[in-house]
């Protein structure tokens, strides 16, 4: 029984999957906690990036 327990404790099979699941869970938790701030930041970035006033409309050049 002791050997089975020691074998179970030192078994590293599947540890990468567990690490990824834990990291994804932490990322989702942080996203839920800071949801309002993230939404505000993303809206600000899109508003700044897609601001129509920053771009001049194209002016056609006369044909030669």
PDB file of N, CA and C in Angstrom:
ATOM      1  N   UNK A   1       0.828  -1.191   0.000  1.00  0.00           N
ATOM      2  CA  UNK A   1       0.000   0.000   0.000  1.00  0.00           C
ATOM      3  C   UNK A   1       0.868   1.250   0.000  1.00  0.00           C
ATOM      4  N   UNK A   2       1.945   1.208   0.813  1.00  0.00           N
ATOM      5  CA  UNK A   2       2.839   2.358   0.882  1.00  0.00           C
ATOM      6  C   UNK A   2       3.502   2.601  -0.471  1.00  0.00           C
ATOM      7  N   UNK A   3       3.892   1.535  -1.138  1.00  0.00           N
ATOM      8  CA  UNK A   3       4.535   1.653  -2.441  1.00  0.00           C
ATOM      9  C   UNK A   3       3.563   2.259  -3.464  1.00  0.00           C
ATOM     10  N   UNK A   4       2.315   1.889  -3.408  1.00  0.00           N
ATOM     11  CA  UNK A   4       1.302   2.438  -4.314  1.00  0.00           C
ATOM     12  C   UNK A   4       1.110   3.931  -4.072  1.00  0.00           C
ATOM     13  N   UNK A   5       1.087   4.349  -2.810  1.00  0.00           N
ATOM     14  CA  UNK A   5       0.943   5.769  -2.482  1.00  0.00           C
ATOM     15  C   UNK A   5       2.152   6.564  -2.975  1.00  0.00           C
ATOM     16  N   UNK A   6       3.353   6.050  -2.749  1.00  0.00           N
ATOM     17  CA  UNK A   6       4.573   6.735  -3.190  1.00  0.00           C
ATOM     18  C   UNK A   6       4.589   6.823  -4.713  1.00  0.00           C
ATOM     19  N   UNK A   7       4.189   5.766  -5.380  1.00  0.00           N
ATOM     20  CA  UNK A   7       4.127   5.770  -6.840  1.00  0.00           C
ATOM     21  C   UNK A   7       3.126   6.814  -7.330  1.00  0.00           C
ATOM     22  N   UNK A   8       2.001   6.937  -6.661  1.00  0.00           N
ATOM     23  CA  UNK A   8       0.988   7.927  -7.031  1.00  0.00           C
ATOM     24  C   UNK A   8       1.505   9.348  -6.833  1.00  0.00           C
ATOM     25  N   UNK A   9       2.200   9.600  -5.743  1.00  0.00           N
ATOM     26  CA  UNK A   9       2.706  10.939  -5.442  1.00  0.00           C
ATOM     27  C   UNK A   9       3.770  11.357  -6.452  1.00  0.00           C
ATOM     28  N   UNK A  10       4.645  10.452  -6.850  1.00  0.00           N
ATOM     29  CA  UNK A  10       5.733  10.793  -7.764  1.00  0.00           C
ATOM     30  C   UNK A  10       5.356  10.644  -9.235  1.00  0.00           C
ATOM     31  N   UNK A  11       4.143  10.255  -9.527  1.00  0.00           N
ATOM     32  CA  UNK A  11       3.699  10.124 -10.912  1.00  0.00           C
ATOM     33  C   UNK A  11       3.524  11.516 -11.519  1.00  0.00           C
ATOM     34  N   UNK A  12       4.231  11.825 -12.587  1.00  0.00           N
ATOM     35  CA  UNK A  12       4.188  13.143 -13.227  1.00  0.00           C
ATOM     36  C   UNK A  12       3.372  13.103 -14.521  1.00  0.00           C
ATOM     37  N   UNK A  13       2.722  12.004 -14.784  1.00  0.00           N
ATOM     38  CA  UNK A  13       1.946  11.859 -16.004  1.00  0.00           C
ATOM     39  C   UNK A  13       0.757  12.814 -15.986  1.00  0.00           C
ATOM     40  N   UNK A  14       0.594  13.605 -17.032  1.00  0.00           N
ATOM     41  CA  UNK A  14      -0.538  14.516 -17.135  1.00  0.00           C
ATOM     42  C   UNK A  14      -0.369  15.823 -16.391  1.00  0.00           C
ATOM     43  N   UNK A  15       0.819  16.092 -15.868  1.00  0.00           N
ATOM     44  CA  UNK A  15       1.019  17.306 -15.077  1.00  0.00           C
ATOM     45  C   UNK A  15       0.917  18.546 -15.956  1.00  0.00           C
ATOM     46  N   UNK A  16       1.316  18.469 -17.227  1.00  0.00           N
ATOM     47  CA  UNK A  16       1.213  19.621 -18.122  1.00  0.00           C
ATOM     48  C   UNK A  16      -0.241  20.021 -18.330  1.00  0.00           C
ATOM     49  N   UNK A  17      -1.107  19.053 -18.463  1.00  0.00           N
ATOM     50  CA  UNK A  17      -2.526  19.344 -18.636  1.00  0.00           C
ATOM     51  C   UNK A  17      -3.085  20.033 -17.400  1.00  0.00           C
ATOM     52  N   UNK A  18      -2.702  19.568 -16.248  1.00  0.00           N
ATOM     53  CA  UNK A  18      -3.172  20.177 -15.000  1.00  0.00           C
ATOM     54  C   UNK A  18      -2.673  21.613 -14.894  1.00  0.00           C
ATOM     55  N   UNK A  19      -1.426  21.848 -15.253  1.00  0.00           N
ATOM     56  CA  UNK A  19      -0.881  23.209 -15.205  1.00  0.00           C
ATOM     57  C   UNK A  19      -1.646  24.138 -16.136  1.00  0.00           C
ATOM     58  N   UNK A  20      -1.948  23.678 -17.331  1.00  0.00           N
ATOM     59  CA  UNK A  20      -2.684  24.501 -18.290  1.00  0.00           C
ATOM     60  C   UNK A  20      -4.086  24.790 -17.783  1.00  0.00           C
ATOM     61  N   UNK A  21      -4.751  23.802 -17.223  1.00  0.00           N
ATOM     62  CA  UNK A  21      -6.105  24.001 -16.696  1.00  0.00           C
ATOM     63  C   UNK A  21      -6.088  25.014 -15.558  1.00  0.00           C
ATOM     64  N   UNK A  22      -5.100  24.933 -14.688  1.00  0.00           N
ATOM     65  CA  UNK A  22      -5.005  25.884 -13.575  1.00  0.00           C
ATOM     66  C   UNK A  22      -4.747  27.288 -14.103  1.00  0.00           C
ATOM     67  N   UNK A  23      -3.856  27.444 -15.069  1.00  0.00           N
ATOM     68  CA  UNK A  23      -3.577  28.763 -15.637  1.00  0.00           C
ATOM     69  C   UNK A  23      -4.804  29.351 -16.329  1.00  0.00           C
ATOM     70  N   UNK A  24      -5.547  28.539 -17.053  1.00  0.00           N
ATOM     71  CA  UNK A  24      -6.770  29.018 -17.711  1.00  0.00           C
ATOM     72  C   UNK A  24      -7.797  29.426 -16.666  1.00  0.00           C
ATOM     73  N   UNK A  25      -7.922  28.660 -15.604  1.00  0.00           N
ATOM     74  CA  UNK A  25      -8.873  29.005 -14.544  1.00  0.00           C
ATOM     75  C   UNK A  25      -8.496  30.326 -13.881  1.00  0.00           C
ATOM     76  N   UNK A  26      -7.212  30.543 -13.646  1.00  0.00           N
ATOM     77  CA  UNK A  26      -6.763  31.809 -13.053  1.00  0.00           C
ATOM     78  C   UNK A  26      -7.040  32.965 -14.006  1.00  0.00           C
ATOM     79  N   UNK A  27      -6.776  32.780 -15.297  1.00  0.00           N
ATOM     80  CA  UNK A  27      -7.020  33.840 -16.281  1.00  0.00           C
ATOM     81  C   UNK A  27      -8.502  34.181 -16.359  1.00  0.00           C
ATOM     82  N   UNK A  28      -9.361  33.185 -16.342  1.00  0.00           N
ATOM     83  CA  UNK A  28     -10.807  33.436 -16.377  1.00  0.00           C
ATOM     84  C   UNK A  28     -11.250  34.132 -15.099  1.00  0.00           C
ATOM     85  N   UNK A  29     -10.717  33.719 -13.980  1.00  0.00           N
ATOM     86  CA  UNK A  29     -11.059  34.367 -12.714  1.00  0.00           C
ATOM     87  C   UNK A  29     -10.663  35.832 -12.700  1.00  0.00           C
ATOM     88  N   UNK A  30      -9.459  36.136 -13.174  1.00  0.00           N
ATOM     89  CA  UNK A  30      -9.022  37.532 -13.239  1.00  0.00           C
ATOM     90  C   UNK A  30      -9.875  38.333 -14.214  1.00  0.00           C
ATOM     91  N   UNK A  31     -10.248  37.724 -15.325  1.00  0.00           N
ATOM     92  CA  UNK A  31     -11.098  38.419 -16.296  1.00  0.00           C
ATOM     93  C   UNK A  31     -12.462  38.727 -15.692  1.00  0.00           C
ATOM     94  N   UNK A  32     -12.989  37.826 -14.892  1.00  0.00           N
ATOM     95  CA  UNK A  32     -14.285  38.076 -14.254  1.00  0.00           C
ATOM     96  C   UNK A  32     -14.179  39.144 -13.173  1.00  0.00           C
ATOM     97  N   UNK A  33     -13.085  39.142 -12.444  1.00  0.00           N
ATOM     98  CA  UNK A  33     -12.910  40.128 -11.376  1.00  0.00           C
ATOM     99  C   UNK A  33     -12.745  41.531 -11.950  1.00  0.00           C
ATOM    100  N   UNK A  34     -11.927  41.649 -13.003  1.00  0.00           N
ATOM    101  CA  UNK A  34     -11.629  42.962 -13.576  1.00  0.00           C
ATOM    102  C   UNK A  34     -12.399  43.208 -14.872  1.00  0.00           C
ATOM    103  N   UNK A  35     -13.585  42.649 -14.965  1.00  0.00           N
ATOM    104  CA  UNK A  35     -14.377  42.726 -16.190  1.00  0.00           C
ATOM    105  C   UNK A  35     -14.666  44.155 -16.617  1.00  0.00           C
ATOM    106  N   UNK A  36     -15.126  44.979 -15.700  1.00  0.00           N
ATOM    107  CA  UNK A  36     -15.494  46.358 -16.039  1.00  0.00           C
ATOM    108  C   UNK A  36     -14.276  47.143 -16.519  1.00  0.00           C
ATOM    109  N   UNK A  37     -13.145  46.975 -15.852  1.00  0.00           N
ATOM    110  CA  UNK A  37     -11.940  47.684 -16.257  1.00  0.00           C
ATOM    111  C   UNK A  37     -11.463  47.215 -17.634  1.00  0.00           C
ATOM    112  N   UNK A  38     -11.551  45.912 -17.885  1.00  0.00           N
ATOM    113  CA  UNK A  38     -11.139  45.388 -19.180  1.00  0.00           C
ATOM    114  C   UNK A  38     -12.035  45.900 -20.300  1.00  0.00           C
ATOM    115  N   UNK A  39     -13.340  45.921 -20.056  1.00  0.00           N
ATOM    116  CA  UNK A  39     -14.273  46.412 -21.073  1.00  0.00           C
ATOM    117  C   UNK A  39     -14.007  47.886 -21.360  1.00  0.00           C
ATOM    118  N   UNK A  40     -13.795  48.682 -20.319  1.00  0.00           N
ATOM    119  CA  UNK A  40     -13.486  50.097 -20.508  1.00  0.00           C
ATOM    120  C   UNK A  40     -12.198  50.303 -21.286  1.00  0.00           C
ATOM    121  N   UNK A  41     -11.176  49.532 -20.959  1.00  0.00           N
ATOM    122  CA  UNK A  41      -9.897  49.651 -21.653  1.00  0.00           C
ATOM    123  C   UNK A  41     -10.033  49.276 -23.123  1.00  0.00           C
ATOM    124  N   UNK A  42     -10.717  48.173 -23.401  1.00  0.00           N
ATOM    125  CA  UNK A  42     -10.887  47.729 -24.788  1.00  0.00           C
ATOM    126  C   UNK A  42     -11.703  48.741 -25.581  1.00  0.00           C
ATOM    127  N   UNK A  43     -12.764  49.288 -24.984  1.00  0.00           N
ATOM    128  CA  UNK A  43     -13.552  50.309 -25.674  1.00  0.00           C
ATOM    129  C   UNK A  43     -12.716  51.545 -25.957  1.00  0.00           C
ATOM    130  N   UNK A  44     -11.881  51.944 -25.020  1.00  0.00           N
ATOM    131  CA  UNK A  44     -11.018  53.109 -25.223  1.00  0.00           C
ATOM    132  C   UNK A  44     -10.031  52.860 -26.363  1.00  0.00           C
ATOM    133  N   UNK A  45      -9.458  51.677 -26.405  1.00  0.00           N
ATOM    134  CA  UNK A  45      -8.506  51.354 -27.473  1.00  0.00           C
ATOM    135  C   UNK A  45      -9.200  51.387 -28.830  1.00  0.00           C
ATOM    136  N   UNK A  46     -10.398  50.788 -28.923  1.00  0.00           N
ATOM    137  CA  UNK A  46     -11.112  50.785 -30.193  1.00  0.00           C
ATOM    138  C   UNK A  46     -11.566  52.186 -30.581  1.00  0.00           C
ATOM    139  N   UNK A  47     -12.019  52.975 -29.618  1.00  0.00           N
ATOM    140  CA  UNK A  47     -12.435  54.343 -29.923  1.00  0.00           C
ATOM    141  C   UNK A  47     -11.261  55.164 -30.439  1.00  0.00           C
ATOM    142  N   UNK A  48     -10.107  55.004 -29.833  1.00  0.00           N
ATOM    143  CA  UNK A  48      -8.927  55.744 -30.268  1.00  0.00           C
ATOM    144  C   UNK A  48      -8.450  55.258 -31.632  1.00  0.00           C
ATOM    145  N   UNK A  49      -8.464  53.967 -31.829  1.00  0.00           N
ATOM    146  CA  UNK A  49      -7.956  53.393 -33.070  1.00  0.00           C
ATOM    147  C   UNK A  49      -8.873  53.676 -34.250  1.00  0.00           C
ATOM    148  N   UNK A  50     -10.160  53.577 -34.033  1.00  0.00           N
ATOM    149  CA  UNK A  50     -11.115  53.701 -35.131  1.00  0.00           C
ATOM    150  C   UNK A  50     -11.756  55.078 -35.211  1.00  0.00           C
ATOM    151  N   UNK A  51     -11.146  56.087 -34.598  1.00  0.00           N
ATOM    152  CA  UNK A  51     -11.690  57.442 -34.618  1.00  0.00           C
ATOM    153  C   UNK A  51     -11.637  57.989 -36.041  1.00  0.00           C
ATOM    154  N   UNK A  52     -12.802  58.321 -36.600  1.00  0.00           N
ATOM    155  CA  UNK A  52     -12.882  58.793 -37.982  1.00  0.00           C
ATOM    156  C   UNK A  52     -12.235  60.161 -38.142  1.00  0.00           C
ATOM    157  N   UNK A  53     -12.184  60.971 -37.099  1.00  0.00           N
ATOM    158  CA  UNK A  53     -11.590  62.295 -37.184  1.00  0.00           C
ATOM    159  C   UNK A  53     -10.083  62.272 -37.364  1.00  0.00           C
ATOM    160  N   UNK A  54      -9.470  61.171 -37.072  1.00  0.00           N
ATOM    161  CA  UNK A  54      -8.013  61.075 -37.195  1.00  0.00           C
ATOM    162  C   UNK A  54      -7.577  60.824 -38.629  1.00  0.00           C
ATOM    163  N   UNK A  55      -8.506  60.407 -39.468  1.00  0.00           N
ATOM    164  CA  UNK A  55      -8.158  60.062 -40.841  1.00  0.00           C
ATOM    165  C   UNK A  55      -8.820  61.047 -41.792  1.00  0.00           C
ATOM    166  N   UNK A  56      -8.044  61.602 -42.695  1.00  0.00           N
ATOM    167  CA  UNK A  56      -8.601  62.506 -43.693  1.00  0.00           C
ATOM    168  C   UNK A  56      -9.201  61.675 -44.821  1.00  0.00           C
ATOM    169  N   UNK A  57     -10.340  62.124 -45.343  1.00  0.00           N
ATOM    170  CA  UNK A  57     -10.912  61.373 -46.457  1.00  0.00           C
ATOM    171  C   UNK A  57      -9.991  61.480 -47.673  1.00  0.00           C
ATOM    172  N   UNK A  58      -9.971  60.475 -48.484  1.00  0.00           N
ATOM    173  CA  UNK A  58      -9.084  60.515 -49.649  1.00  0.00           C
ATOM    174  C   UNK A  58      -9.541  61.589 -50.638  1.00  0.00           C
ATOM    175  N   UNK A  59      -8.591  62.277 -51.212  1.00  0.00           N
ATOM    176  CA  UNK A  59      -8.908  63.292 -52.223  1.00  0.00           C
ATOM    177  C   UNK A  59      -8.488  62.753 -53.579  1.00  0.00           C
ATOM    178  N   UNK A  60      -9.405  62.784 -54.510  1.00  0.00           N
ATOM    179  CA  UNK A  60      -9.049  62.267 -55.843  1.00  0.00           C
ATOM    180  C   UNK A  60      -8.063  63.208 -56.538  1.00  0.00           C
ATOM    181  N   UNK A  61      -7.122  62.632 -57.197  1.00  0.00           N
ATOM    182  CA  UNK A  61      -6.162  63.431 -57.953  1.00  0.00           C
ATOM    183  C   UNK A  61      -6.671  63.588 -59.381  1.00  0.00           C
ATOM    184  N   UNK A  62      -6.457  64.746 -59.967  1.00  0.00           N
ATOM    185  CA  UNK A  62      -6.938  64.934 -61.346  1.00  0.00           C
ATOM    186  C   UNK A  62      -6.160  64.050 -62.318  1.00  0.00           C
ATOM    187  N   UNK A  63      -6.873  63.614 -63.320  1.00  0.00           N
ATOM    188  CA  UNK A  63      -6.243  62.774 -64.341  1.00  0.00           C
ATOM    189  C   UNK A  63      -5.328  63.620 -65.214  1.00  0.00           C
ATOM    190  N   UNK A  64      -4.204  63.097 -65.619  1.00  0.00           N
ATOM    191  CA  UNK A  64      -3.295  63.892 -66.470  1.00  0.00           C
ATOM    192  C   UNK A  64      -3.816  64.102 -67.868  1.00  0.00           C
TER     193      UNK A  64
END
